[in-house]
Amino acid sequence: DLGEGAGGSVNRCIDRRTGKIMAVKRIKPDHGSSEEMKMKKMEIRKELVALLDSDCPDLITLYGAYMDSDDCMNICLEFMDMGSLLDVVEAAKSSSPNNPIPESILRHIVMSVL
């Protein structure tokens, strides 16, 4: 288990066919109205299609997505072994607690996010 939040969880897994390590984000269904659930699923699907169509090297790779029998959406993503952006920032701060994160690193992070 890599992480968990109100909307679901992220697990590390291995594709049995290829041996590729990936992260699977499992999004639990909302308990709102059926119309709200449809709108949220459509929004997630639009974002997934945009990610699939992108060839930006700074974006995480989306391998695919599917709905399971529990009506959870499972999103198969590139596994990032350094953790989240917060993990990277905290590691940089802990390795040099009295010094700020170098501007060159912050610049790269900001440009990647934008």
Foldseek 3Di string as FASTA:
>chain_A
DQAADPQFGKDWDADPVPRAIWIKTKGAQDPDDPVVSVVVVVVVVVVVVVQQPDPDPLDWHWPDWDADPNRIIITTTHDDVCHDPVSVLVVQCVVPVVDHRDPVVVVVVVVSVD
